[in-house]
C-alpha cells in the first residue's frame, strides 16, 4: 500500500485526498532527526521550553474550525465534545509549560560533603533528573486531540526535554496532519531543531513496530487496546537495549453502590449511571463497565431505573467500523454467557452505530467466568448482585487492575467504605466518591494509570503533571567541581527558582 485515505466515521466511506504511507526509511529518517536534535533540545532553558509548549497551544487554536470539522468527520464525535477536547489539549500543554518553568520536576538534591564524618567521610553528592531521549508516541482512536498528535504523551515528553516522533492514528489522519503542522510551525518559530517533532502516517502495524524497534527511540507512550500495548511492549523488551513502554490499555472501572446510598437515591443513581455509560458511545477508557452492589430493594430500584434509561438511549456513531464490529461481538458474547441476564438494550442503530446494553449476573457466576471481567469497549455494562459484604469483597479481589474505582455512598456507608478502601487501593489508580469516572481532570493530583492491564507500568500516570516523570531519569554527580556542574546544582544557583532538597531539607 502506497497511500490511504481518511474514512468518515458515520458512513465508513473514504473522504478527502490520499495520504502517502510512511515506510521503514521514513521511520529511520524521523528517528535520526530526533536523535540529532536531542542534545540541543534537552539543553534548552526552562523558559525556552515552556514558551515552546505555549506556542504549540497557540498554533493549535489558530487552526480554527477546520480542526473541529476534520475531527468530527473522522471520529463521529459531536462538536461540543471535540471543542472541549481541544480546550483540554491546549490546557495540558499550558499546564506542562507552567511545570517546566517552576522546575520542581528536576528533583534537585544536594548532600554536601562531610569530610570529618567518622568512620568514613561523605563525598559531595548532587542529583537532578535529565531527559530520557527521543520518545515514540502512538495516537489514540478515542481522543483524536487530547490523546493523540499533541496529546498528553507528546506534551509531557516535550516538557521533559525529549524529542517526539508520533505515529498518527489511522482513524483520523486529517486531524493528525493539521495538528502536526501546527507543532512544526511552533518548532520553527521557536528556533528549535526540526527533529524535535516528527509525524508518521500509515495504517499498518509494521510502521509502529519499526518505530518502537528503532535503536534511537528511548521510550514509548501508547493508548489503545491490550493486544496492541502488549505487542509493543514485547517488541521493546526484545531490543538489544530494552526500553520502557508506557501503555494505557484495558479497564472496566467498577462502580460500587453502597447500601445506604442505594436506599436513599437508587432511582437517581440509575439514571445518572446510564448518562455516564453512554457518553461518547461508551468509548472512554474510564467507562463504567461494571457495577457492584449488595442485593436488596435499593439495588432493584437502581436496576429498574437504569434499565428504563438504557432502553431509551439512542444509538451513536462509533469511532471506526472495526471498533463498532468489536463492540457488537462483545455484546453478543455477554448475551450468550451462562448466568448472565440481558436487562436492556438501547435503540438499534445503523452502519457503525452502537447501542447501549445492560446485563445482570450474580457474584458466583462472575467469579466462575473470567471473561465477564474483560473490557467491552463501548456502552455496555454488567451489574453484579452480591449476597453480602464478603461476596462483594471477593469480587473486588478477583478483578484485574483498573484505571478507576467509584464509591457511591452516604454518611452511613462510610464505615463500609473505609473497609473497602484498602482493597480498592491495590486495584485502581484513582478512587472517587459520588461521581462518575468518565471525567478526567488535567491537574497536579490526577492519576490516570493503574495496575496491569489498566497500564503496563502502575507507577506512572498519563494524565496530570506527574506524567513528565515517565520521560526523565536521575543522574548523580559525585565530587564534581562547581564550574563543571550543571548550573542548577551549583551552590550559587539560589536565584534559579527551582526547589532543592539540601541535606534532606526542602529549600525554596
Protein backbone atom coordinates (compact mmCIF):
# COMPACT_ATOMS: atom_id res chain seq x y z
CA UNK A 1 0.00 0.00 0.00
CA UNK A 2 1.49 3.32 -1.09
CA UNK A 3 -1.29 5.61 0.19
CA UNK A 4 -4.55 5.55 2.11
CA UNK A 5 -7.49 7.88 2.71
CA UNK A 6 -9.39 9.22 5.66
CA UNK A 7 -12.70 7.47 6.39
CA UNK A 8 -15.82 9.27 7.59
CA UNK A 9 -16.91 7.53 10.80
CA UNK A 10 -20.64 7.97 10.14
CA UNK A 11 -20.61 6.38 6.68
CA UNK A 12 -17.48 4.27 6.58
CA UNK A 13 -16.66 5.87 3.24
CA UNK A 14 -13.29 7.35 2.22
CA UNK A 15 -13.07 11.12 2.28
CA UNK A 16 -10.58 13.70 1.08
CA UNK A 17 -7.17 13.34 -0.56
CA UNK A 18 -4.95 10.30 -0.21
CA UNK A 19 -2.14 10.27 2.34
CA UNK A 20 1.27 8.89 1.44
CA UNK A 21 2.08 5.96 3.69
CA UNK A 22 5.37 6.21 5.51
CA UNK A 23 7.68 3.22 5.45
CA UNK A 24 10.85 1.98 7.18
CA UNK A 25 13.05 4.58 5.51
CA UNK A 26 10.79 7.37 6.78
CA UNK A 27 10.89 5.91 10.28
CA UNK A 28 14.67 5.80 10.22
CA UNK A 29 14.85 9.38 8.96
CA UNK A 30 12.48 10.68 11.65
CA UNK A 31 14.31 8.83 14.41
CA UNK A 32 17.70 10.03 13.17
CA UNK A 33 16.44 13.61 13.16
CA UNK A 34 15.07 13.18 16.70
CA UNK A 35 18.39 11.78 17.91
CA UNK A 36 20.28 14.64 16.24
CA UNK A 37 18.00 17.18 17.95
CA UNK A 38 18.16 15.58 21.40
CA UNK A 39 21.26 17.22 22.86
CA UNK A 40 20.28 20.72 21.75
CA UNK A 41 16.66 20.35 22.83
CA UNK A 42 17.34 18.91 26.28
CA UNK A 43 19.80 21.76 26.87
CA UNK A 44 17.14 24.43 26.30
CA UNK A 45 16.35 26.66 29.25
CA UNK A 46 13.19 26.08 31.23
CA UNK A 47 11.78 29.33 29.89
CA UNK A 48 12.50 28.45 26.27
CA UNK A 49 10.93 25.02 26.62
CA UNK A 50 7.85 26.43 28.36
CA UNK A 51 7.45 29.07 25.67
CA UNK A 52 7.63 26.34 23.02
CA UNK A 53 4.79 24.39 24.66
CA UNK A 54 2.71 27.55 24.83
CA UNK A 55 3.42 28.29 21.19
CA UNK A 56 2.13 24.82 20.23
CA UNK A 57 -1.11 25.63 22.08
CA UNK A 58 -1.43 28.91 20.21
CA UNK A 59 -0.80 27.26 16.84
CA UNK A 60 -3.47 24.63 17.53
CA UNK A 61 -6.02 27.29 18.40
CA UNK A 62 -5.06 29.18 15.25
CA UNK A 63 -6.20 26.27 13.06
CA UNK A 64 -9.74 27.28 13.99
CA UNK A 65 -12.86 25.43 12.95
CA UNK A 66 -11.08 23.38 10.29
CA UNK A 67 -9.64 21.24 13.07
CA UNK A 68 -13.01 20.61 14.72
CA UNK A 69 -14.70 19.78 11.42
CA UNK A 70 -11.98 17.30 10.46
CA UNK A 71 -12.15 15.60 13.85
CA UNK A 72 -15.95 15.44 13.72
CA UNK A 73 -15.88 13.80 10.32
CA UNK A 74 -13.17 11.28 11.17
CA UNK A 75 -14.35 10.30 14.67
CA UNK A 76 -18.12 10.76 14.57
CA UNK A 77 -17.86 12.68 17.83
CA UNK A 78 -20.06 15.77 18.29
CA UNK A 79 -18.81 19.35 18.01
CA UNK A 80 -19.21 20.20 21.70
CA UNK A 81 -17.19 17.17 22.76
CA UNK A 82 -14.37 17.98 20.34
CA UNK A 83 -14.29 21.67 21.23
CA UNK A 84 -13.92 20.59 24.84
CA UNK A 85 -11.19 18.17 23.86
CA UNK A 86 -9.34 20.91 22.01
CA UNK A 87 -9.54 23.00 25.18
CA UNK A 88 -8.12 20.11 27.17
CA UNK A 89 -5.30 19.63 24.66
CA UNK A 90 -4.34 23.29 24.87
CA UNK A 91 -4.79 23.29 28.64
CA UNK A 92 -2.43 20.40 29.26
CA UNK A 93 0.24 21.99 27.06
CA UNK A 94 -0.04 25.14 29.17
CA UNK A 95 -0.02 23.09 32.38
CA UNK A 96 3.28 21.50 31.39
CA UNK A 97 4.67 24.90 30.44
CA UNK A 98 3.97 26.02 34.00
CA UNK A 99 5.50 22.83 35.40
CA UNK A 100 8.66 23.32 33.34
CA UNK A 101 9.06 26.94 34.44
CA UNK A 102 8.77 26.12 38.15
CA UNK A 103 11.45 23.44 37.91
CA UNK A 104 10.32 21.00 40.61
CA UNK A 105 10.38 18.22 38.00
CA UNK A 106 14.20 18.32 38.13
CA UNK A 107 14.07 16.93 41.71
CA UNK A 108 17.28 18.73 42.60
CA UNK A 109 19.05 17.18 45.60
CA UNK A 110 22.31 18.21 47.25
CA UNK A 111 24.09 16.29 50.00
CA UNK A 112 27.20 18.36 50.81
CA UNK A 113 30.49 16.67 51.58
CA UNK A 114 31.15 15.71 55.20
CA UNK A 115 34.96 15.36 55.24
CA UNK A 116 35.15 14.94 59.03
CA UNK A 117 32.46 12.26 59.33
CA UNK A 118 33.57 9.10 61.12
CA UNK A 119 34.35 6.35 60.42
CA UNK A 120 34.33 7.50 56.76
CA UNK A 121 33.85 10.92 55.16
CA UNK A 122 30.85 11.53 52.89
CA UNK A 123 31.55 12.74 49.36
CA UNK A 124 29.70 15.67 47.83
CA UNK A 125 26.65 14.28 46.02
CA UNK A 126 24.18 16.14 43.82
CA UNK A 127 21.25 14.81 41.78
CA UNK A 128 18.98 16.00 39.03
CA UNK A 129 16.58 14.42 36.54
CA UNK A 130 17.56 14.55 32.89
CA UNK A 131 15.70 13.85 29.64
CA UNK A 132 15.45 10.20 28.69
CA UNK A 133 15.79 10.54 24.90
CA UNK A 134 13.58 10.51 21.81
CA UNK A 135 10.08 9.22 22.56
CA UNK A 136 7.67 7.38 20.25
CA UNK A 137 4.02 8.35 20.79
CA UNK A 138 1.04 6.46 19.38
CA UNK A 139 -2.15 8.42 18.78
CA UNK A 140 -5.37 7.07 20.33
CA UNK A 141 -8.55 6.33 18.40
CA UNK A 142 -10.99 7.64 21.02
CA UNK A 143 -9.35 11.05 21.64
CA UNK A 144 -8.26 12.48 18.28
CA UNK A 145 -6.86 15.56 20.01
CA UNK A 146 -6.18 15.11 23.74
CA UNK A 147 -4.50 11.68 23.49
CA UNK A 148 -3.08 11.91 20.01
CA UNK A 149 -0.63 14.01 17.99
CA UNK A 150 -0.31 16.86 20.53
CA UNK A 151 -1.90 14.93 23.39
CA UNK A 152 -0.72 14.22 26.89
CA UNK A 153 2.12 11.86 25.96
CA UNK A 154 3.55 14.34 23.46
CA UNK A 155 3.15 17.28 25.85
CA UNK A 156 4.80 15.51 28.80
CA UNK A 157 7.66 14.15 26.69
CA UNK A 158 8.38 17.56 25.15
CA UNK A 159 8.18 19.10 28.63
CA UNK A 160 10.80 16.61 29.79
CA UNK A 161 13.14 17.72 27.01
CA UNK A 162 12.59 14.69 24.78
CA UNK A 163 12.07 14.94 21.02
CA UNK A 164 8.90 13.15 19.94
CA UNK A 165 8.07 11.00 16.92
CA UNK A 166 4.32 10.43 16.64
CA UNK A 167 2.64 7.60 14.79
CA UNK A 168 -0.67 9.21 13.95
CA UNK A 169 -3.73 7.05 14.43
CA UNK A 170 -5.03 5.90 11.02
CA UNK A 171 -8.63 6.64 12.06
CA UNK A 172 -8.04 10.41 11.92
CA UNK A 173 -5.17 11.25 9.56
CA UNK A 174 -6.57 14.65 8.51
CA UNK A 175 -6.90 15.74 12.14
CA UNK A 176 -3.40 14.48 12.86
CA UNK A 177 -1.89 16.28 9.87
CA UNK A 178 -3.43 19.59 10.92
CA UNK A 179 -2.04 19.27 14.45
CA UNK A 180 1.34 18.02 13.28
CA UNK A 181 1.68 21.06 11.02
CA UNK A 182 0.85 23.30 13.99
CA UNK A 183 3.61 21.71 16.07
CA UNK A 184 6.06 22.05 13.18
CA UNK A 185 5.24 25.76 12.96
CA UNK A 186 5.92 26.11 16.69
CA UNK A 187 9.26 24.31 16.30
CA UNK A 188 10.31 26.73 13.57
CA UNK A 189 9.02 29.82 15.37
CA UNK A 190 10.99 28.91 18.49
CA UNK A 191 14.20 28.28 16.57
CA UNK A 192 14.41 24.62 17.58
CA UNK A 193 15.93 21.78 15.53
CA UNK A 194 13.42 20.31 13.09
CA UNK A 195 13.88 16.84 14.60
CA UNK A 196 12.26 17.90 17.90
CA UNK A 197 9.00 16.66 16.40
CA UNK A 198 8.25 14.07 13.74
CA UNK A 199 4.98 12.69 12.40
CA UNK A 200 4.47 9.35 10.67
CA UNK A 201 1.31 8.32 8.82
CA UNK A 202 0.06 4.87 7.85
CA UNK A 203 -2.40 2.14 8.80
CA UNK A 204 -0.02 -0.81 9.17
CA UNK A 205 1.24 -2.41 12.36
CA UNK A 206 4.63 -2.70 10.69
CA UNK A 207 5.03 1.07 10.82
CA UNK A 208 4.59 1.11 14.58
CA UNK A 209 6.87 -1.88 15.00
CA UNK A 210 9.63 -0.17 13.03
CA UNK A 211 9.30 2.90 15.25
CA UNK A 212 9.46 1.00 18.55
CA UNK A 213 12.41 -1.10 17.45
CA UNK A 214 14.47 1.80 16.12
CA UNK A 215 17.54 1.94 18.42
CA UNK A 216 17.31 5.73 18.75
CA UNK A 217 13.91 5.60 20.47
CA UNK A 218 14.25 5.66 24.27
CA UNK A 219 10.63 5.22 25.43
CA UNK A 220 7.10 4.71 24.11
CA UNK A 221 3.76 6.27 25.03
CA UNK A 222 0.66 4.33 23.93
CA UNK A 223 -3.09 4.47 24.47
CA UNK A 224 -5.15 1.69 22.96
CA UNK A 225 -6.06 -1.98 23.19
CA UNK A 226 -4.48 -4.55 25.45
CA UNK A 227 -3.34 -6.56 22.43
CA UNK A 228 -1.71 -3.51 20.87
CA UNK A 229 0.02 -2.41 24.06
CA UNK A 230 1.36 -5.89 24.80
CA UNK A 231 2.63 -6.27 21.25
CA UNK A 232 4.60 -3.03 21.52
CA UNK A 233 5.92 -3.96 24.97
CA UNK A 234 7.12 -7.31 23.63
CA UNK A 235 8.95 -5.60 20.77
CA UNK A 236 10.51 -3.07 23.14
CA UNK A 237 11.77 -5.76 25.51
CA UNK A 238 13.23 -7.84 22.67
CA UNK A 239 15.52 -5.00 21.54
CA UNK A 240 19.25 -5.19 22.17
CA UNK A 241 18.63 -2.29 24.56
CA UNK A 242 15.13 -2.72 26.02
CA UNK A 243 13.10 0.43 26.60
CA UNK A 244 10.03 1.27 28.71
CA UNK A 245 6.57 1.23 27.13
CA UNK A 246 4.00 3.31 28.98
CA UNK A 247 0.81 1.75 27.68
CA UNK A 248 -2.71 2.58 28.84
CA UNK A 249 -4.75 -0.43 27.77
CA UNK A 250 -7.79 -2.01 29.39
CA UNK A 251 -10.14 -1.19 32.26
CA UNK A 252 -13.79 -1.80 33.22
CA UNK A 253 -13.81 0.75 36.07
CA UNK A 254 -16.02 -0.82 38.76
CA UNK A 255 -18.72 1.32 40.35
CA UNK A 256 -19.68 0.29 43.89
CA UNK A 257 -23.19 1.23 45.03
CA UNK A 258 -23.16 1.06 48.82
CA UNK A 259 -26.40 0.15 50.66
CA UNK A 260 -27.42 3.45 52.25
CA UNK A 261 -26.75 5.41 49.07
CA UNK A 262 -28.82 2.90 47.12
CA UNK A 263 -31.66 3.09 49.61
CA UNK A 264 -31.70 6.88 49.51
CA UNK A 265 -31.23 7.53 45.78
CA UNK A 266 -31.26 4.30 43.80
CA UNK A 267 -33.51 5.70 41.08
CA UNK A 268 -31.41 8.82 40.52
CA UNK A 269 -28.22 6.77 40.52
CA UNK A 270 -29.63 4.52 37.81
CA UNK A 271 -30.37 7.45 35.51
CA UNK A 272 -27.02 9.14 36.16
CA UNK A 273 -25.14 5.89 35.62
CA UNK A 274 -26.59 5.46 32.14
CA UNK A 275 -25.64 9.04 31.31
CA UNK A 276 -22.03 8.15 32.11
CA UNK A 277 -22.24 4.77 30.39
CA UNK A 278 -23.48 6.17 27.08
CA UNK A 279 -21.31 9.31 26.98
CA UNK A 280 -19.34 9.30 23.73
CA UNK A 281 -20.93 5.97 22.76
CA UNK A 282 -19.15 4.46 25.76
CA UNK A 283 -15.78 4.90 24.09
CA UNK A 284 -13.91 6.18 27.13
CA UNK A 285 -11.15 4.23 28.83
CA UNK A 286 -12.86 5.20 32.11
CA UNK A 287 -16.32 3.98 31.04
CA UNK A 288 -18.22 2.30 33.93
CA UNK A 289 -18.33 -1.26 32.59
CA UNK A 290 -19.05 -2.96 35.92
CA UNK A 291 -21.49 -2.19 38.74
CA UNK A 292 -21.21 -3.94 42.12
CA UNK A 293 -23.84 -3.84 44.85
CA UNK A 294 -25.39 -5.94 47.63
CA UNK A 295 -28.79 -7.43 46.87
CA UNK A 296 -31.84 -5.62 48.18
CA UNK A 297 -34.63 -3.21 47.42
CA UNK A 298 -32.21 -0.38 46.69
CA UNK A 299 -30.45 -2.39 44.00
CA UNK A 300 -33.79 -3.36 42.49
CA UNK A 301 -34.73 0.31 42.25
CA UNK A 302 -31.40 1.15 40.63
CA UNK A 303 -31.75 -1.64 38.09
CA UNK A 304 -35.30 -0.61 37.17
CA UNK A 305 -34.17 2.98 36.63
CA UNK A 306 -31.05 2.04 34.66
CA UNK A 307 -32.97 -0.48 32.56
CA UNK A 308 -35.51 2.16 31.54
CA UNK A 309 -32.78 4.68 30.71
CA UNK A 310 -30.82 2.19 28.59
CA UNK A 311 -33.97 1.25 26.68
CA UNK A 312 -34.46 4.89 25.72
CA UNK A 313 -30.82 5.56 24.82
CA UNK A 314 -30.21 6.37 21.17
CA UNK A 315 -27.57 4.52 19.19
CA UNK A 316 -24.43 6.54 18.49
CA UNK A 317 -21.82 6.52 15.76
CA UNK A 318 -18.71 4.69 16.89
CA UNK A 319 -15.18 5.73 16.06
CA UNK A 320 -14.42 3.19 13.35
CA UNK A 321 -16.09 0.25 11.63
CA UNK A 322 -13.62 -2.05 13.39
CA UNK A 323 -14.49 -0.70 16.84
CA UNK A 324 -18.19 -0.97 16.02
CA UNK A 325 -17.81 -4.60 14.96
CA UNK A 326 -15.75 -5.46 18.04
CA UNK A 327 -18.37 -3.87 20.28
CA UNK A 328 -21.17 -5.84 18.66
CA UNK A 329 -19.17 -9.02 19.14
CA UNK A 330 -18.54 -8.21 22.81
CA UNK A 331 -22.21 -7.56 23.47
CA UNK A 332 -23.15 -10.81 21.75
CA UNK A 333 -20.67 -12.70 23.91
CA UNK A 334 -22.21 -11.25 27.08
CA UNK A 335 -25.68 -12.17 25.87
CA UNK A 336 -24.56 -15.74 25.34
CA UNK A 337 -22.77 -16.13 28.68
CA UNK A 338 -24.15 -18.60 31.20
CA UNK A 339 -25.69 -16.93 34.25
CA UNK A 340 -25.96 -13.53 32.54
CA UNK A 341 -29.34 -11.85 32.10
CA UNK A 342 -29.87 -9.16 29.48
CA UNK A 343 -31.66 -6.31 31.25
CA UNK A 344 -31.95 -3.84 28.40
CA UNK A 345 -30.58 -2.81 25.03
CA UNK A 346 -30.70 0.68 23.61
CA UNK A 347 -32.30 1.82 20.40
CA UNK A 348 -30.97 -0.06 17.36
CA UNK A 349 -28.58 1.77 15.07
CA UNK A 350 -27.37 1.56 11.50
CA UNK A 351 -23.96 1.08 9.98
CA UNK A 352 -21.23 1.87 12.50
CA UNK A 353 -23.67 2.94 15.24
CA UNK A 354 -23.64 1.11 18.56
CA UNK A 355 -26.48 0.88 21.07
CA UNK A 356 -26.19 0.64 24.86
CA UNK A 357 -26.53 -2.71 26.61
CA UNK A 358 -27.03 -3.60 30.28
CA UNK A 359 -26.61 -7.04 31.85
CA UNK A 360 -27.04 -8.62 35.28
CA UNK A 361 -25.32 -11.55 36.90
CA UNK A 362 -24.52 -12.97 40.31
CA UNK A 363 -21.22 -12.81 42.13
CA UNK A 364 -20.88 -16.59 41.83
CA UNK A 365 -21.37 -16.50 38.05
CA UNK A 366 -18.97 -13.58 37.69
CA UNK A 367 -16.28 -15.37 39.67
CA UNK A 368 -16.77 -18.52 37.59
CA UNK A 369 -16.26 -16.79 34.23
CA UNK A 370 -13.19 -14.56 33.91
CA UNK A 371 -14.42 -13.29 30.55
CA UNK A 372 -17.14 -11.30 32.33
CA UNK A 373 -14.37 -9.11 33.74
CA UNK A 374 -12.90 -8.24 30.35
CA UNK A 375 -13.45 -4.85 28.74
CA UNK A 376 -16.13 -4.41 26.09
CA UNK A 377 -15.19 -1.10 24.51
CA UNK A 378 -18.49 0.70 24.19
CA UNK A 379 -21.67 1.44 26.14
CA UNK A 380 -22.08 -1.99 27.76
CA UNK A 381 -22.03 -2.73 31.48
CA UNK A 382 -22.64 -5.66 33.82
CA UNK A 383 -24.39 -5.36 37.19
CA UNK A 384 -23.13 -7.93 39.70
CA UNK A 385 -25.51 -8.63 42.58
CA UNK A 386 -23.65 -9.76 45.71
CA UNK A 387 -25.26 -11.51 48.67
CA UNK A 388 -23.25 -9.67 51.31
CA UNK A 389 -20.10 -7.68 52.03
CA UNK A 390 -17.90 -10.77 51.96
CA UNK A 391 -19.07 -11.67 48.47
CA UNK A 392 -18.59 -8.05 47.34
CA UNK A 393 -15.00 -8.10 48.59
CA UNK A 394 -14.44 -11.43 46.87
CA UNK A 395 -15.49 -9.97 43.53
CA UNK A 396 -13.27 -6.94 44.06
CA UNK A 397 -10.26 -9.09 44.85
CA UNK A 398 -10.84 -11.09 41.66
CA UNK A 399 -10.66 -8.06 39.41
CA UNK A 400 -7.73 -7.14 37.21
CA UNK A 401 -6.06 -3.76 37.61
CA UNK A 402 -8.25 -0.75 36.88
CA UNK A 403 -7.88 2.91 36.00
CA UNK A 404 -10.67 3.86 38.39
CA UNK A 405 -12.95 2.58 41.13
CA UNK A 406 -16.02 4.56 42.19
CA UNK A 407 -17.88 4.57 45.53
CA UNK A 408 -21.42 5.87 45.75
CA UNK A 409 -22.03 6.29 49.45
CA UNK A 410 -23.86 8.24 52.12
CA UNK A 411 -22.64 9.08 55.61
CA UNK A 412 -23.94 5.77 56.99
CA UNK A 413 -21.84 3.92 54.37
CA UNK A 414 -18.53 5.42 55.49
CA UNK A 415 -17.53 2.52 57.76
CA UNK A 416 -18.05 0.06 54.90
CA UNK A 417 -16.21 2.38 52.51
CA UNK A 418 -13.27 2.52 54.91
CA UNK A 419 -13.09 -1.28 54.94
CA UNK A 420 -13.23 -1.42 51.14
CA UNK A 421 -10.65 1.31 50.54
CA UNK A 422 -7.54 -0.88 51.15
CA UNK A 423 -8.87 -3.39 48.62
CA UNK A 424 -9.56 -0.67 46.06
CA UNK A 425 -6.14 0.93 46.52
CA UNK A 426 -4.36 -2.16 45.20
CA UNK A 427 -6.74 -2.44 42.25
CA UNK A 428 -7.06 1.10 40.86
CA UNK A 429 -5.09 4.25 40.13
CA UNK A 430 -7.94 6.62 41.01
CA UNK A 431 -10.68 6.15 43.62
CA UNK A 432 -13.59 8.57 43.53
CA UNK A 433 -16.75 9.07 45.55
CA UNK A 434 -20.25 10.13 44.49
CA UNK A 435 -19.34 10.91 40.91
CA UNK A 436 -18.68 9.08 37.66
CA UNK A 437 -15.29 8.03 36.30
CA UNK A 438 -15.73 9.40 32.78
CA UNK A 439 -14.35 12.84 33.68
CA UNK A 440 -10.55 13.05 33.99
CA UNK A 441 -9.27 16.37 35.32
CA UNK A 442 -5.89 17.53 34.00
CA UNK A 443 -4.10 18.76 37.12
CA UNK A 444 -1.27 18.00 39.52
CA UNK A 445 -3.06 15.39 41.68
CA UNK A 446 -4.60 13.33 38.87
CA UNK A 447 -3.60 9.72 38.26
CA UNK A 448 -4.68 8.12 35.00
CA UNK A 449 -2.99 4.79 35.40
CA UNK A 450 -3.25 1.66 37.47
CA UNK A 451 -2.15 -1.96 37.84
CA UNK A 452 -1.99 -4.22 34.79
CA UNK A 453 -3.83 -4.36 32.42
CA UNK A 454 -5.02 -0.79 33.02
CA UNK A 455 -1.44 0.19 32.26
CA UNK A 456 1.86 -1.52 31.61
CA UNK A 457 3.54 0.36 34.49
CA UNK A 458 1.41 1.05 37.59
CA UNK A 459 3.97 3.53 38.96
CA UNK A 460 3.06 6.16 36.39
CA UNK A 461 0.23 8.30 35.05
CA UNK A 462 -0.52 9.51 31.53
CA UNK A 463 -2.61 12.50 32.69
CA UNK A 464 -1.56 15.27 35.05
CA UNK A 465 1.77 16.91 35.76
CA UNK A 466 3.29 13.73 37.21
CA UNK A 467 3.28 12.30 33.66
CA UNK A 468 6.55 14.14 32.99
CA UNK A 469 8.39 11.67 35.25
CA UNK A 470 7.97 8.88 32.68
CA UNK A 471 10.45 10.55 30.36
CA UNK A 472 13.14 11.53 32.86
CA UNK A 473 15.91 9.62 34.63
CA UNK A 474 18.12 10.52 37.61
CA UNK A 475 21.82 11.31 37.40
CA UNK A 476 24.00 11.72 40.50
CA UNK A 477 27.16 13.86 40.42
CA UNK A 478 29.86 12.96 42.96
CA UNK A 479 32.67 15.35 43.83
CA UNK A 480 32.24 17.27 40.58
CA UNK A 481 33.92 20.69 40.50
CA UNK A 482 31.49 23.60 40.78
CA UNK A 483 32.34 25.05 37.38
CA UNK A 484 31.67 21.68 35.76
CA UNK A 485 28.34 21.00 37.47
CA UNK A 486 25.03 21.76 35.75
CA UNK A 487 24.17 25.33 36.79
CA UNK A 488 21.07 24.37 38.77
CA UNK A 489 23.17 22.15 41.08
CA UNK A 490 25.76 24.77 41.94
CA UNK A 491 25.76 26.40 45.35
CA UNK A 492 25.21 29.83 43.77
CA UNK A 493 22.05 28.70 41.92
CA UNK A 494 19.64 30.09 44.53
CA UNK A 495 18.28 32.58 42.01
CA UNK A 496 17.30 29.75 39.69
CA UNK A 497 13.90 29.50 41.35
CA UNK A 498 13.64 25.69 41.37
CA UNK A 499 13.14 23.96 44.74
CA UNK A 500 16.12 21.95 46.04
CA UNK A 501 16.46 19.31 48.74
CA UNK A 502 19.68 20.28 50.58
CA UNK A 503 20.89 17.73 53.11
CA UNK A 504 17.33 16.48 53.40
CA UNK A 505 15.78 19.91 53.90
CA UNK A 506 13.50 21.37 51.21
CA UNK A 507 14.75 24.80 50.19
CA UNK A 508 12.61 27.10 48.06
